[in-house]
Structures are given as C-alpha cells and as structure tokens.
Amino acid sequence: MSGVSGLTDGQLANFRADGFCFPVDVLSEGEAEELARDVNRHLSRSAEIEGELGALAFGPKIHLLWPWADELIRHPALLRVAEDIVGPDILVWGTSIFTKRPGDDTDLAWHQDALTYELGGADLAAFRVWLALTPTGPENGTLRFAVGTHRQGVLPHRRFAAASQRLRGDETIFDEETVQQRDVVLRPGQASLHNMLIVHCSGVNSSDSPRLNFAVDYVAAKVRPAGGHPDSALLVRGKNVHDHFALESPPRTGMDADAVAEWRRAVRLRLRRLRTAHETNIKTGTLIQ
C-alpha cells in the first residue's frame, strides 16, 4: 500500500477549525479497487449467513473478521494522521461500510456521530476516516458537513417516528440556514476525516454508479466510554495506559472460528452499551422522540 506522511499544518488547522478535512491521500486508485473487491466479497459472504454476522455485515467491527481490514486500519498513512489528531496512544473503536446503489433515493438526516457513539464531551479525541473506494461526490450521495458545528458540543436530536422510504435516522436540531456547508468530493483512495461532533448528512445517489466507502473510527486511549458501561477497542499504536476499553484481538485468518468469536464478543458488548446510552439520551431530552 502507498502512503503519505501525516497531515500538513494547513490540513490539521482546517480539521480543528472546521471539524473536518479532505481530501487526504491514503491509497492509489488500484489499491482502492483491490480493497473494494475485498469489501464486496465480505458483503456477499455475509449475505449468505444468518444471524448476527449477516445482520451486521456493514459494521461496526469488520476489522475483527478479516486480515485485510486489520491491515488497512494499521496503514502507516492512517496511523500518522491519527497520531496528528489524537496523539500517540491510538485505538480503533469501529469499522463500517457505507454504500449507496445507483438511483438509491434514501438520504441521511443531519446528525452527530457522538450522539450515537457516546464517546465523550466537546473536546472529544476521536475522529472518523471516511475512505472512498469509488468516486464520491454530490451526484452519488456524498457527505455534507455543517462547518464548525463540532465546537457546539452534542446538540439535541429528534427521532423520526417512521422512516418511510428515507433513511433519516436521528436528526440534529439546529439552524442549518446560518451555517456554511461543504460537500465531500473524493477520488478512489482518498479520505475525508471528521470530528465525531461535526454535524453532517448525506444525499441521494442520483447517478448510475454505486458509491462505496469504508470508515475507520480512531480514538485516543484516554477517551472514556460514556455511561459507565464497558466497551472494547483494538490497540493499533502506543499503549492502552488508561485501560478504559477492553482490548480486542486481531484476526489471523478471515472469518475463522476464533475471529468470529472475538467479533461476537466485541459487538455484543458495543450494542449493549449503546442501547443503554440511547435510553439515557431519551430520558435526558438529548434525543426527542
């Protein structure tokens, strides 16, 4: 895999001021094409499996199932970027696949990842890498960021009672007309980085080509899971000096019995904590039904 030497001073300044930064070169287009094949093979195999593996094919712990995913999250370019943003002690908290088929008329409401992930407060040392495996832009439903909204902390959200044909999810309550907005445009192999507190959404895929992205969530080892419930993550650089997360074990071969057992343990721990966090958000009024 090819790589870059971390973020420039300008890119890091943009990330801190705006809550996001793009484009960041990570892979060549050929490497992105190879990774897309791995991702699609994972989705095809998962579709044949009943139960949790099939239901959770798109995330949140793909790096525990496949050596190629474990290799990606340890890519030198990504680890240098992660060290620039969160410091020397780095955990991978999650990995996910995001895809939109040609003509897909679903979109995603304005939201903050931190509401769902329950990872901390306004100085949250966590971010997402959103890696393009296909050309990514407004025509195929890319991300759109509300510039600087990460500085407002976790905002109130409303939950749609019925999603109908739109994948709306939890929607941030804020005045979008007063905020500058930016659409993410990437070639295959480039990534967008965003703070877990930035308000963002995505549009519909009105093109005749699929959109495919792979996401990696990096957190500083000092981050503590909110809510007081246990969670797990994979140490990829430095030390787990704070011991806030139970450490995960990487896969040795793809989807073998040991890998599936580790994946199942980690996923169940995550889902249990997030269910509790969701109930707390409703009780406190952060999430309005």
Protein backbone atom coordinates (compact mmCIF):
# COMPACT_ATOMS: atom_id res chain seq x y z
CA MET A 1 0.00 0.00 0.00
CA SER A 2 1.15 3.54 -0.75
CA GLY A 3 1.04 6.26 1.90
CA VAL A 4 1.56 9.89 2.88
CA SER A 5 3.44 11.47 5.77
CA GLY A 6 0.63 12.66 8.01
CA LEU A 7 -1.27 15.92 7.80
CA THR A 8 0.21 19.23 6.75
CA ASP A 9 -0.05 22.14 9.17
CA GLY A 10 -2.81 23.57 6.98
CA GLN A 11 -4.81 20.34 6.95
CA LEU A 12 -4.55 19.98 10.72
CA ALA A 13 -5.60 23.60 11.20
CA ASN A 14 -8.61 23.04 8.92
CA PHE A 15 -9.58 19.90 10.84
CA ARG A 16 -9.50 21.75 14.14
CA ALA A 17 -11.28 24.87 12.89
CA ASP A 18 -13.88 23.29 10.59
CA GLY A 19 -14.31 19.86 12.22
CA PHE A 20 -13.25 18.01 9.07
CA CYS A 21 -10.53 17.81 6.44
CA PHE A 22 -10.44 16.45 2.88
CA PRO A 23 -9.08 15.20 0.57
CA VAL A 24 -6.35 13.18 2.29
CA ASP A 25 -4.43 10.77 0.04
CA VAL A 26 -4.25 7.25 1.50
CA LEU A 27 -4.33 4.62 -1.28
CA SER A 28 -3.66 4.57 -5.00
CA GLU A 29 -6.70 4.05 -7.21
CA GLY A 30 -5.50 0.49 -7.90
CA GLU A 31 -5.26 -0.24 -4.18
CA ALA A 32 -8.72 1.24 -3.65
CA GLU A 33 -10.08 -1.03 -6.39
CA GLU A 34 -8.49 -4.08 -4.70
CA LEU A 35 -9.95 -3.06 -1.32
CA ALA A 36 -13.38 -2.61 -2.94
CA ARG A 37 -13.20 -6.23 -4.12
CA ASP A 38 -12.41 -7.35 -0.56
CA VAL A 39 -15.31 -5.33 0.81
CA ASN A 40 -17.75 -6.69 -1.76
CA ARG A 41 -16.60 -10.27 -1.07
CA HIS A 42 -17.24 -9.66 2.62
CA LEU A 43 -20.73 -8.36 1.88
CA SER A 44 -21.50 -11.27 -0.44
CA ARG A 45 -20.33 -13.86 2.07
CA SER A 46 -22.16 -12.16 4.94
CA ALA A 47 -25.40 -12.10 2.93
CA GLU A 48 -25.28 -15.90 2.85
CA ILE A 49 -25.03 -16.13 6.66
CA GLU A 50 -27.99 -15.95 9.00
CA GLY A 51 -27.87 -14.37 12.45
CA GLU A 52 -25.58 -11.62 13.73
CA LEU A 53 -22.90 -11.96 11.05
CA GLY A 54 -25.41 -11.42 8.29
CA ALA A 55 -27.34 -8.67 10.07
CA LEU A 56 -24.21 -6.68 10.98
CA ALA A 57 -22.28 -7.09 7.74
CA PHE A 58 -21.89 -3.31 7.37
CA GLY A 59 -20.31 -2.82 10.80
CA PRO A 60 -19.28 -1.97 13.44
CA LYS A 61 -16.32 -4.40 13.80
CA ILE A 62 -15.21 -5.62 10.37
CA HIS A 63 -11.55 -5.31 11.41
CA LEU A 64 -12.02 -8.29 13.77
CA LEU A 65 -13.13 -10.58 10.94
CA TRP A 66 -10.62 -10.07 8.11
CA PRO A 67 -6.83 -9.61 7.91
CA TRP A 68 -7.25 -7.16 5.02
CA ALA A 69 -9.35 -4.88 7.26
CA ASP A 70 -6.83 -5.21 10.09
CA GLU A 71 -4.06 -4.28 7.64
CA LEU A 72 -5.98 -1.23 6.46
CA ILE A 73 -6.56 0.23 9.93
CA ARG A 74 -2.79 -0.10 10.58
CA HIS A 75 -1.87 1.58 7.29
CA PRO A 76 1.13 3.85 8.05
CA ALA A 77 -0.56 6.86 6.43
CA LEU A 78 -3.67 6.45 8.58
CA LEU A 79 -1.68 5.93 11.78
CA ARG A 80 0.36 9.06 11.10
CA VAL A 81 -2.84 11.02 10.56
CA ALA A 82 -4.34 9.53 13.72
CA GLU A 83 -1.28 10.47 15.75
CA ASP A 84 -1.50 14.04 14.45
CA ILE A 85 -5.11 14.29 15.65
CA VAL A 86 -5.42 12.17 18.83
CA GLY A 87 -1.82 11.61 19.99
CA PRO A 88 0.50 8.59 20.27
CA ASP A 89 -1.81 6.09 22.02
CA ILE A 90 -4.36 5.03 19.41
CA LEU A 91 -7.31 2.64 19.47
CA VAL A 92 -9.60 1.59 16.63
CA TRP A 93 -13.13 1.68 18.00
CA GLY A 94 -15.04 0.63 14.89
CA THR A 95 -15.03 -0.07 11.16
CA SER A 96 -18.04 0.25 8.86
CA ILE A 97 -19.09 0.04 5.22
CA PHE A 98 -21.28 2.69 3.61
CA THR A 99 -22.75 2.05 0.19
CA LYS A 100 -25.47 3.53 -2.00
CA ARG A 101 -26.75 1.78 -5.08
CA PRO A 102 -27.36 3.61 -8.38
CA GLY A 103 -30.63 5.52 -8.19
CA ASP A 104 -30.93 4.94 -4.43
CA ASP A 105 -33.39 7.56 -3.16
CA THR A 106 -32.51 7.29 0.54
CA ASP A 107 -30.63 10.00 2.37
CA LEU A 108 -29.38 10.57 5.90
CA ALA A 109 -30.52 13.44 8.12
CA TRP A 110 -28.21 15.98 9.72
CA HIS A 111 -26.70 14.24 12.76
CA GLN A 112 -23.67 13.93 15.04
CA ASP A 113 -21.87 10.61 15.41
CA ALA A 114 -21.06 11.44 19.04
CA LEU A 115 -24.76 11.22 19.99
CA THR A 116 -24.90 7.57 18.94
CA TYR A 117 -21.38 6.57 19.90
CA GLU A 118 -21.37 8.09 23.40
CA LEU A 119 -17.64 8.69 23.49
CA GLY A 120 -17.31 11.94 25.43
CA GLY A 121 -17.67 15.73 25.52
CA ALA A 122 -16.78 18.79 23.49
CA ASP A 123 -13.02 18.06 23.48
CA LEU A 124 -13.58 14.54 22.18
CA ALA A 125 -10.30 12.98 20.99
CA ALA A 126 -11.91 10.78 18.34
CA PHE A 127 -12.46 11.02 14.60
CA ARG A 128 -13.64 9.04 11.60
CA VAL A 129 -11.73 8.27 8.42
CA TRP A 130 -14.23 8.01 5.52
CA LEU A 131 -12.27 6.35 2.71
CA ALA A 132 -13.59 6.44 -0.85
CA LEU A 133 -13.41 3.17 -2.80
CA THR A 134 -15.37 4.67 -5.71
CA PRO A 135 -15.58 8.25 -6.98
CA THR A 136 -17.55 10.14 -4.33
CA GLY A 137 -19.44 13.42 -4.81
CA PRO A 138 -22.84 15.15 -4.61
CA GLU A 139 -24.18 13.19 -7.57
CA ASN A 140 -23.92 9.85 -5.72
CA GLY A 141 -24.91 10.94 -2.22
CA THR A 142 -21.68 12.06 -0.56
CA LEU A 143 -21.30 13.50 2.95
CA ARG A 144 -22.13 17.15 3.60
CA PHE A 145 -20.62 18.93 6.62
CA ALA A 146 -22.00 21.88 8.59
CA VAL A 147 -18.76 23.81 9.08
CA GLY A 148 -17.60 24.38 12.66
CA THR A 149 -20.57 22.78 14.40
CA HIS A 150 -18.27 20.42 16.33
CA ARG A 151 -17.47 23.36 18.61
CA GLN A 152 -21.05 23.39 19.94
CA GLY A 153 -20.81 20.00 21.68
CA VAL A 154 -23.60 17.43 21.46
CA LEU A 155 -26.78 19.12 20.22
CA PRO A 156 -30.40 17.97 20.77
CA HIS A 157 -31.72 15.50 18.19
CA ARG A 158 -35.18 14.39 17.16
CA ARG A 159 -36.04 10.84 16.11
CA PHE A 160 -38.36 10.25 13.16
CA ALA A 161 -41.30 8.01 14.08
CA ALA A 162 -41.40 6.47 10.59
CA ALA A 163 -38.51 6.42 8.15
CA SER A 164 -40.79 5.65 5.13
CA GLN A 165 -38.51 5.29 2.13
CA ARG A 166 -35.82 7.61 3.53
CA LEU A 167 -33.02 6.52 5.81
CA ARG A 168 -33.42 9.54 8.06
CA GLY A 169 -32.20 8.38 11.46
CA ASP A 170 -31.78 10.86 14.35
CA GLU A 171 -31.83 14.48 13.16
CA THR A 172 -29.85 17.31 14.76
CA ILE A 173 -31.93 20.30 15.80
CA PHE A 174 -30.00 23.36 14.56
CA ASP A 175 -30.41 26.29 12.16
CA GLU A 176 -28.82 24.93 9.01
CA GLU A 177 -29.54 28.15 7.07
CA THR A 178 -26.97 30.06 9.15
CA VAL A 179 -24.13 27.56 8.75
CA GLN A 180 -21.70 27.17 5.84
CA GLN A 181 -21.94 23.72 4.23
CA ARG A 182 -19.37 21.65 2.34
CA ASP A 183 -19.86 18.58 0.13
CA VAL A 184 -17.14 15.91 0.25
CA VAL A 185 -15.59 15.15 -3.16
CA LEU A 186 -13.06 12.30 -3.32
CA ARG A 187 -11.38 10.08 -5.86
CA PRO A 188 -10.93 6.37 -5.03
CA GLY A 189 -8.17 6.06 -2.43
CA GLN A 190 -8.74 9.49 -0.89
CA ALA A 191 -10.30 10.03 2.51
CA SER A 192 -12.25 12.61 4.43
CA LEU A 193 -11.58 12.99 8.17
CA HIS A 194 -14.20 14.31 10.57
CA ASN A 195 -14.59 15.01 14.26
CA MET A 196 -17.28 12.82 15.89
CA LEU A 197 -19.12 16.02 16.92
CA ILE A 198 -19.42 17.64 13.46
CA VAL A 199 -23.00 17.87 12.20
CA HIS A 200 -23.24 16.12 8.82
CA CYS A 201 -25.67 14.43 6.45
CA SER A 202 -25.64 12.63 3.10
CA GLY A 203 -27.75 12.88 -0.03
CA VAL A 204 -29.35 10.51 -2.51
CA ASN A 205 -27.45 8.65 -5.23
CA SER A 206 -28.92 10.06 -8.42
CA SER A 207 -26.10 8.64 -10.55
CA ASP A 208 -25.94 5.36 -12.46
CA SER A 209 -22.94 4.09 -10.46
CA PRO A 210 -22.63 2.69 -6.93
CA ARG A 211 -20.94 4.64 -4.14
CA LEU A 212 -18.75 2.64 -1.74
CA ASN A 213 -16.89 3.95 1.32
CA PHE A 214 -15.05 2.27 4.20
CA ALA A 215 -14.94 4.04 7.58
CA VAL A 216 -12.47 3.67 10.44
CA ASP A 217 -13.09 5.21 13.88
CA TYR A 218 -9.91 6.15 15.75
CA VAL A 219 -9.95 7.21 19.40
CA ALA A 220 -7.27 8.28 21.85
CA ALA A 221 -6.61 5.76 24.60
CA LYS A 222 -7.51 8.50 27.10
CA VAL A 223 -11.13 8.59 25.85
CA ARG A 224 -13.58 7.04 28.28
CA PRO A 225 -16.82 5.39 27.04
CA ALA A 226 -19.71 7.48 28.34
CA GLY A 227 -22.41 5.96 30.51
CA GLY A 228 -20.15 3.87 32.71
CA HIS A 229 -20.71 0.66 30.72
CA PRO A 230 -17.85 -1.48 29.30
CA ASP A 231 -16.73 -1.30 25.69
CA SER A 232 -13.84 -2.65 23.64
CA ALA A 233 -11.36 -1.44 21.01
CA LEU A 234 -8.20 -2.58 19.21
CA LEU A 235 -4.86 -1.03 20.15
CA VAL A 236 -3.00 -0.11 16.94
CA ARG A 237 -0.26 2.23 18.22
CA GLY A 238 1.24 3.15 21.59
CA LYS A 239 -0.10 1.89 24.90
CA ASN A 240 -3.50 1.39 26.47
CA VAL A 241 -2.30 3.31 29.51
CA HIS A 242 -5.76 4.35 30.75
CA ASP A 243 -7.38 0.91 30.38
CA HIS A 244 -10.79 2.44 29.56
CA PHE A 245 -11.50 -0.13 26.83
CA ALA A 246 -11.16 -3.91 26.91
CA LEU A 247 -8.59 -4.77 24.26
CA GLU A 248 -9.59 -6.76 21.19
CA SER A 249 -7.51 -9.36 19.33
CA PRO A 250 -6.90 -9.08 15.56
CA PRO A 251 -7.89 -11.91 13.18
CA ARG A 252 -5.32 -14.43 11.98
CA THR A 253 -7.39 -15.72 9.06
CA GLY A 254 -10.61 -14.50 7.55
CA MET A 255 -13.81 -15.32 9.42
CA ASP A 256 -12.35 -18.34 11.21
CA ALA A 257 -13.87 -19.58 14.46
CA ASP A 258 -11.57 -17.51 16.68
CA ALA A 259 -12.18 -14.34 14.68
CA VAL A 260 -15.94 -14.80 14.74
CA ALA A 261 -15.90 -15.45 18.49
CA GLU A 262 -13.87 -12.27 19.11
CA TRP A 263 -16.13 -10.29 16.78
CA ARG A 264 -19.27 -11.58 18.52
CA ARG A 265 -17.93 -10.74 21.99
CA ALA A 266 -17.00 -7.19 20.95
CA VAL A 267 -20.21 -6.49 19.01
CA ARG A 268 -22.46 -7.68 21.82
CA LEU A 269 -20.57 -5.51 24.30
CA ARG A 270 -20.94 -2.49 21.99
CA LEU A 271 -24.63 -2.96 21.28
CA ARG A 272 -25.44 -3.48 24.95
CA ARG A 273 -23.76 -0.19 25.87
CA LEU A 274 -25.34 1.78 23.04
CA ARG A 275 -28.83 0.54 23.87
CA THR A 276 -28.34 1.85 27.39
CA ALA A 277 -26.95 5.14 26.05
CA HIS A 278 -29.97 5.54 23.76
CA GLU A 279 -32.35 5.14 26.70
CA THR A 280 -30.34 7.72 28.66
CA ASN A 281 -30.47 10.20 25.77
CA ILE A 282 -34.27 9.94 25.72
CA LYS A 283 -34.55 10.42 29.48
CA THR A 284 -32.29 13.48 29.47
CA GLY A 285 -34.03 15.07 26.48
CA THR A 286 -30.93 14.93 24.25
CA LEU A 287 -32.93 12.67 21.91
CA ILE A 288 -36.53 13.77 21.38
CA GLN A 289 -38.90 11.06 20.19
